[in-house]
């Protein structure tokens, strides 16, 4: 009996492996409009995340990204309860949380505690809203994302978010980069540190809210942090790091969706895996260069 079960397991694994490399099935699915909408949405999210990731890493805001994405769920849960747009609720929740993080957590030494306190309170409210709504299971979709149901409205929301982020970054990029790389000198020269902190935190909140709609709150960090961390391992030039970050984010986002089509597995699995592999490769290359320089 055990031999039969083992044989069935091997056959099932072989079928799954063949499905994984079934390029014909992937090509067939690409004829559907909803797949192309998901592909475009992920490409836009990859560009948005790749632009912000280097600054998030240099400003040590990884926990803030996590907090903003989690509290985006709270906003979306409140929207469910109120019967309004979930996307709008998620954006409002993430932006409010990010603004609080930026204002109260301007100093690095107090940032983590502020985020932890606010996030715990916000998640408690999110559970309450879902309980009052009567469908706790609805929160699972907010945590894991719904990339196949993005639709035109979702793509429009991401495109608008990208436009807003790029316009604002164009205005504040130089002082923000200065404040990120050398905060003490920037503050001594009169750079408005708190204002920049709040504005950038709001931009991060906007991006996190869009990411939650597509890949879920639990996995937003794979696109908004990992590409920037990987790129920073290869270069110290901000322009090069920015370009590499966008490239890595696009590879993870678009590649993750394409790989998930044939086996019909969650796209987030592949997005996080590709991001992690890219980081490991960049870390190895960076470590080898550092060792070669020292010797």
Protein backbone atom coordinates (compact mmCIF):
# COMPACT_ATOMS: atom_id res chain seq x y z
CA UNK A 1 0.00 0.00 0.00
CA UNK A 2 2.83 2.37 0.89
CA UNK A 3 4.51 1.59 -2.43
CA UNK A 4 1.34 2.60 -4.31
CA UNK A 5 1.11 5.86 -2.36
CA UNK A 6 4.75 6.61 -3.02
CA UNK A 7 4.27 5.95 -6.74
CA UNK A 8 1.25 8.27 -6.83
CA UNK A 9 3.25 10.97 -5.06
CA UNK A 10 6.07 10.68 -7.60
CA UNK A 11 3.59 10.84 -10.51
CA UNK A 12 1.83 13.86 -9.01
CA UNK A 13 5.16 15.63 -8.51
CA UNK A 14 6.14 14.86 -12.11
CA UNK A 15 2.84 16.27 -13.37
CA UNK A 16 3.31 19.44 -11.31
CA UNK A 17 6.86 19.83 -12.63
CA UNK A 18 5.69 19.42 -16.22
CA UNK A 19 2.90 21.93 -15.59
CA UNK A 20 5.46 24.35 -14.24
CA UNK A 21 7.38 24.28 -17.53
CA UNK A 22 4.28 24.15 -19.74
CA UNK A 23 5.06 27.16 -21.94
CA UNK A 24 2.14 26.35 -24.24
CA UNK A 25 -0.28 26.73 -21.33
CA UNK A 26 1.38 30.00 -20.34
CA UNK A 27 1.03 31.28 -23.91
CA UNK A 28 -2.63 30.23 -23.96
CA UNK A 29 -3.41 32.08 -20.75
CA UNK A 30 -1.76 35.22 -22.09
CA UNK A 31 -4.65 35.54 -24.55
CA UNK A 32 -6.99 36.48 -21.70
CA UNK A 33 -7.54 40.15 -20.93
CA UNK A 34 -7.47 39.69 -17.16
CA UNK A 35 -4.01 38.13 -17.39
CA UNK A 36 -2.69 41.11 -19.36
CA UNK A 37 -4.30 43.47 -16.88
CA UNK A 38 -2.56 41.64 -14.04
CA UNK A 39 0.73 41.72 -15.98
CA UNK A 40 0.51 45.48 -16.57
CA UNK A 41 -0.48 46.08 -12.96
CA UNK A 42 2.50 44.12 -11.68
CA UNK A 43 4.84 45.89 -14.11
CA UNK A 44 3.59 49.26 -12.83
CA UNK A 45 3.92 48.12 -9.23
CA UNK A 46 7.46 46.91 -9.96
CA UNK A 47 8.42 50.32 -11.36
CA UNK A 48 6.87 52.11 -8.39
CA UNK A 49 8.54 49.84 -5.86
CA UNK A 50 11.89 49.92 -7.61
CA UNK A 51 11.99 53.72 -7.51
CA UNK A 52 11.22 53.89 -3.79
CA UNK A 53 13.20 50.85 -2.59
CA UNK A 54 16.72 52.41 -2.51
CA UNK A 55 15.51 55.36 -0.42
CA UNK A 56 13.54 53.03 1.86
CA UNK A 57 16.68 50.98 2.47
CA UNK A 58 19.00 53.97 2.97
CA UNK A 59 16.51 55.57 5.38
CA UNK A 60 16.07 52.27 7.27
CA UNK A 61 12.30 52.28 6.78
CA UNK A 62 11.72 48.56 6.20
CA UNK A 63 9.57 48.25 9.31
CA UNK A 64 7.62 51.34 8.25
CA UNK A 65 6.75 49.65 4.94
CA UNK A 66 5.49 46.64 6.85
CA UNK A 67 3.47 48.88 9.16
CA UNK A 68 1.94 50.90 6.32
CA UNK A 69 0.95 47.77 4.41
CA UNK A 70 -0.63 46.19 7.49
CA UNK A 71 -2.60 49.34 8.30
CA UNK A 72 -3.70 49.54 4.69
CA UNK A 73 -5.61 46.38 5.55
CA UNK A 74 -7.25 48.25 8.43
CA UNK A 75 -8.34 51.01 6.05
CA UNK A 76 -9.66 48.45 3.57
CA UNK A 77 -11.57 46.67 6.35
CA UNK A 78 -13.11 49.98 7.39
CA UNK A 79 -14.10 50.56 3.75
CA UNK A 80 -15.77 47.14 3.63
CA UNK A 81 -17.77 48.01 6.73
CA UNK A 82 -18.73 51.43 5.34
CA UNK A 83 -19.60 50.04 1.91
CA UNK A 84 -17.15 52.24 -0.01
CA UNK A 85 -14.18 51.50 -2.28
CA UNK A 86 -11.72 49.06 -0.73
CA UNK A 87 -8.88 50.60 -2.74
CA UNK A 88 -9.69 54.06 -1.41
CA UNK A 89 -9.95 52.75 2.14
CA UNK A 90 -6.60 50.99 1.83
CA UNK A 91 -4.94 54.12 0.50
CA UNK A 92 -6.36 56.28 3.29
CA UNK A 93 -5.32 53.77 5.94
CA UNK A 94 -1.77 53.44 4.61
CA UNK A 95 -1.30 57.18 4.10
CA UNK A 96 -2.55 58.05 7.58
CA UNK A 97 -0.31 55.41 9.12
CA UNK A 98 2.69 56.52 7.08
CA UNK A 99 2.12 60.17 8.02
CA UNK A 100 2.06 59.24 11.71
CA UNK A 101 5.23 57.16 11.27
CA UNK A 102 6.98 60.03 9.52
CA UNK A 103 5.91 62.67 12.04
CA UNK A 104 6.36 60.74 15.28
CA UNK A 105 9.25 58.54 14.15
CA UNK A 106 11.52 61.14 12.60
CA UNK A 107 14.44 60.01 14.78
CA UNK A 108 15.81 56.57 13.99
CA UNK A 109 16.09 55.54 17.65
CA UNK A 110 12.36 56.02 18.29
CA UNK A 111 11.03 54.97 14.87
CA UNK A 112 10.62 51.24 15.57
CA UNK A 113 8.76 51.75 18.84
CA UNK A 114 6.38 54.30 17.27
CA UNK A 115 5.62 51.99 14.35
CA UNK A 116 5.10 49.02 16.67
CA UNK A 117 2.67 50.92 18.91
CA UNK A 118 0.63 52.40 16.04
CA UNK A 119 0.59 49.14 14.05
CA UNK A 120 -0.65 47.09 17.01
CA UNK A 121 -3.50 49.54 17.60
CA UNK A 122 -4.36 49.68 13.88
CA UNK A 123 -4.42 45.90 13.49
CA UNK A 124 -6.74 45.66 16.48
CA UNK A 125 -9.11 48.07 14.76
CA UNK A 126 -8.84 46.04 11.55
CA UNK A 127 -9.93 42.86 13.34
CA UNK A 128 -12.85 44.78 14.89
CA UNK A 129 -13.97 46.13 11.50
CA UNK A 130 -13.85 42.68 9.91
CA UNK A 131 -15.78 41.18 12.83
CA UNK A 132 -18.46 43.86 12.53
CA UNK A 133 -18.57 43.28 8.77
CA UNK A 134 -19.31 39.63 9.50
CA UNK A 135 -16.73 38.06 7.21
CA UNK A 136 -13.36 37.56 8.89
CA UNK A 137 -12.33 35.50 5.86
CA UNK A 138 -12.40 38.65 3.77
CA UNK A 139 -9.24 39.73 5.56
CA UNK A 140 -7.33 36.81 4.05
CA UNK A 141 -7.72 38.26 0.56
CA UNK A 142 -6.35 41.56 1.84
CA UNK A 143 -3.30 39.79 3.27
CA UNK A 144 -2.50 37.72 0.16
CA UNK A 145 -3.67 40.02 -2.65
CA UNK A 146 -5.88 39.46 -5.69
CA UNK A 147 -3.72 40.11 -8.73
CA UNK A 148 -6.10 38.41 -11.20
CA UNK A 149 -8.93 40.76 -10.26
CA UNK A 150 -7.04 44.04 -10.56
CA UNK A 151 -9.05 45.25 -13.55
CA UNK A 152 -8.92 48.60 -15.29
CA UNK A 153 -9.72 50.53 -12.11
CA UNK A 154 -6.78 48.91 -10.32
CA UNK A 155 -4.39 49.73 -13.15
CA UNK A 156 -5.65 53.30 -13.21
CA UNK A 157 -5.09 53.65 -9.46
CA UNK A 158 -1.52 52.38 -9.76
CA UNK A 159 -0.80 54.66 -12.73
CA UNK A 160 -2.08 57.69 -10.81
CA UNK A 161 0.00 56.69 -7.79
CA UNK A 162 3.14 56.39 -9.94
CA UNK A 163 2.52 59.84 -11.44
CA UNK A 164 2.08 61.42 -8.01
CA UNK A 165 5.15 59.68 -6.57
CA UNK A 166 7.38 60.64 -9.52
CA UNK A 167 6.27 64.27 -9.50
CA UNK A 168 6.86 64.63 -5.75
CA UNK A 169 10.18 62.78 -5.88
CA UNK A 170 11.36 65.03 -8.69
CA UNK A 171 10.86 68.01 -6.38
CA UNK A 172 12.34 66.57 -3.18
CA UNK A 173 14.83 63.98 -4.46
CA UNK A 174 18.08 65.88 -3.93
CA UNK A 175 17.42 67.08 -0.36
CA UNK A 176 15.81 63.73 0.47
CA UNK A 177 18.86 61.83 -0.78
CA UNK A 178 21.13 64.18 1.18
CA UNK A 179 19.04 63.68 4.33
CA UNK A 180 19.06 59.92 3.79
CA UNK A 181 22.81 59.52 3.27
CA UNK A 182 24.07 62.04 5.86
CA UNK A 183 21.22 63.15 8.16
CA UNK A 184 23.41 65.02 10.69
CA UNK A 185 25.09 67.22 8.10
CA UNK A 186 21.78 67.73 6.28
CA UNK A 187 20.12 68.90 9.47
CA UNK A 188 23.03 71.23 10.25
CA UNK A 189 22.62 72.81 6.81
CA UNK A 190 18.94 73.52 7.36
CA UNK A 191 17.36 70.70 5.39
CA UNK A 192 13.72 70.33 6.60
CA UNK A 193 14.16 66.83 7.98
CA UNK A 194 10.71 66.34 9.53
CA UNK A 195 8.87 67.64 6.46
CA UNK A 196 10.87 65.37 4.16
CA UNK A 197 10.30 62.45 6.51
CA UNK A 198 6.53 62.92 6.52
CA UNK A 199 6.29 63.51 2.75
CA UNK A 200 8.39 60.46 1.90
CA UNK A 201 6.48 58.33 4.42
CA UNK A 202 3.23 59.31 2.69
CA UNK A 203 4.69 58.30 -0.69
CA UNK A 204 5.66 54.95 0.81
CA UNK A 205 2.15 54.59 2.19
CA UNK A 206 0.61 55.25 -1.22
CA UNK A 207 2.84 52.63 -2.82
CA UNK A 208 2.22 50.11 -0.04
CA UNK A 209 -1.54 50.52 -0.38
CA UNK A 210 -1.38 49.67 -4.10
CA UNK A 211 0.90 46.72 -3.40
CA UNK A 212 -1.57 45.34 -0.86
CA UNK A 213 -4.30 45.25 -3.52
CA UNK A 214 -2.12 43.13 -5.82
CA UNK A 215 0.25 40.90 -3.83
CA UNK A 216 -1.11 41.34 -0.32
CA UNK A 217 0.03 43.02 2.87
CA UNK A 218 2.23 40.12 3.93
CA UNK A 219 4.41 40.26 0.81
CA UNK A 220 4.67 43.94 -0.10
CA UNK A 221 8.16 44.08 1.38
CA UNK A 222 9.46 41.65 -1.26
CA UNK A 223 9.05 44.38 -3.90
CA UNK A 224 9.49 47.54 -1.84
CA UNK A 225 12.65 46.54 0.03
CA UNK A 226 14.47 43.58 -1.53
CA UNK A 227 15.29 45.19 -4.94
CA UNK A 228 16.81 48.23 -3.23
CA UNK A 229 18.77 46.08 -0.78
CA UNK A 230 20.08 43.93 -3.63
CA UNK A 231 21.05 46.92 -5.79
CA UNK A 232 22.90 48.55 -2.89
CA UNK A 233 25.16 45.48 -2.76
CA UNK A 234 26.40 46.13 -6.30
CA UNK A 235 27.06 49.87 -6.35
CA UNK A 236 27.36 52.98 -4.20
CA UNK A 237 26.29 55.28 -7.04
CA UNK A 238 22.69 56.42 -6.33
CA UNK A 239 21.79 56.55 -10.02
CA UNK A 240 23.09 53.03 -10.68
CA UNK A 241 21.37 51.71 -7.56
CA UNK A 242 18.08 53.28 -8.67
CA UNK A 243 18.30 51.72 -12.15
CA UNK A 244 19.22 48.29 -10.80
CA UNK A 245 16.46 48.46 -8.22
CA UNK A 246 13.81 49.12 -10.87
CA UNK A 247 15.24 46.32 -13.04
CA UNK A 248 15.23 43.81 -10.18
CA UNK A 249 11.70 44.78 -9.14
CA UNK A 250 10.42 44.34 -12.70
CA UNK A 251 12.09 40.93 -13.06
CA UNK A 252 10.53 39.75 -9.80
CA UNK A 253 7.06 41.18 -10.51
CA UNK A 254 6.62 40.27 -14.18
CA UNK A 255 8.64 37.06 -13.95
CA UNK A 256 6.67 35.96 -10.90
CA UNK A 257 3.36 36.29 -12.72
CA UNK A 258 4.57 34.50 -15.85
CA UNK A 259 5.93 31.58 -13.83
CA UNK A 260 2.71 31.28 -11.84
CA UNK A 261 0.38 30.95 -14.84
CA UNK A 262 0.90 27.34 -15.94
CA UNK A 263 1.03 25.66 -12.50
CA UNK A 264 -1.77 27.98 -11.29
CA UNK A 265 0.01 28.77 -8.06
CA UNK A 266 -0.15 32.07 -6.13
CA UNK A 267 1.91 34.74 -7.87
CA UNK A 268 3.28 35.97 -4.54
CA UNK A 269 5.23 32.71 -4.13
CA UNK A 270 7.23 33.37 -7.27
CA UNK A 271 7.61 37.12 -6.70
CA UNK A 272 9.14 36.58 -3.27
CA UNK A 273 11.32 33.69 -4.47
CA UNK A 274 12.74 35.63 -7.42
CA UNK A 275 13.38 38.66 -5.20
CA UNK A 276 15.18 36.51 -2.64
CA UNK A 277 17.34 34.79 -5.26
CA UNK A 278 18.31 38.15 -6.76
CA UNK A 279 19.28 39.41 -3.31
CA UNK A 280 21.41 36.33 -2.59
CA UNK A 281 23.23 36.65 -5.92
CA UNK A 282 23.87 40.39 -5.41
CA UNK A 283 25.01 39.78 -1.85
CA UNK A 284 27.47 37.14 -3.01
CA UNK A 285 28.82 39.43 -5.76
CA UNK A 286 29.12 42.34 -3.33
CA UNK A 287 30.92 40.23 -0.74
CA UNK A 288 33.36 38.95 -3.35
CA UNK A 289 34.12 42.49 -4.53
CA UNK A 290 34.68 43.67 -0.95
CA UNK A 291 37.00 40.76 -0.27
CA UNK A 292 38.93 41.40 -3.50
CA UNK A 293 39.32 45.10 -2.62
CA UNK A 294 40.68 44.34 0.84
CA UNK A 295 43.19 41.83 -0.48
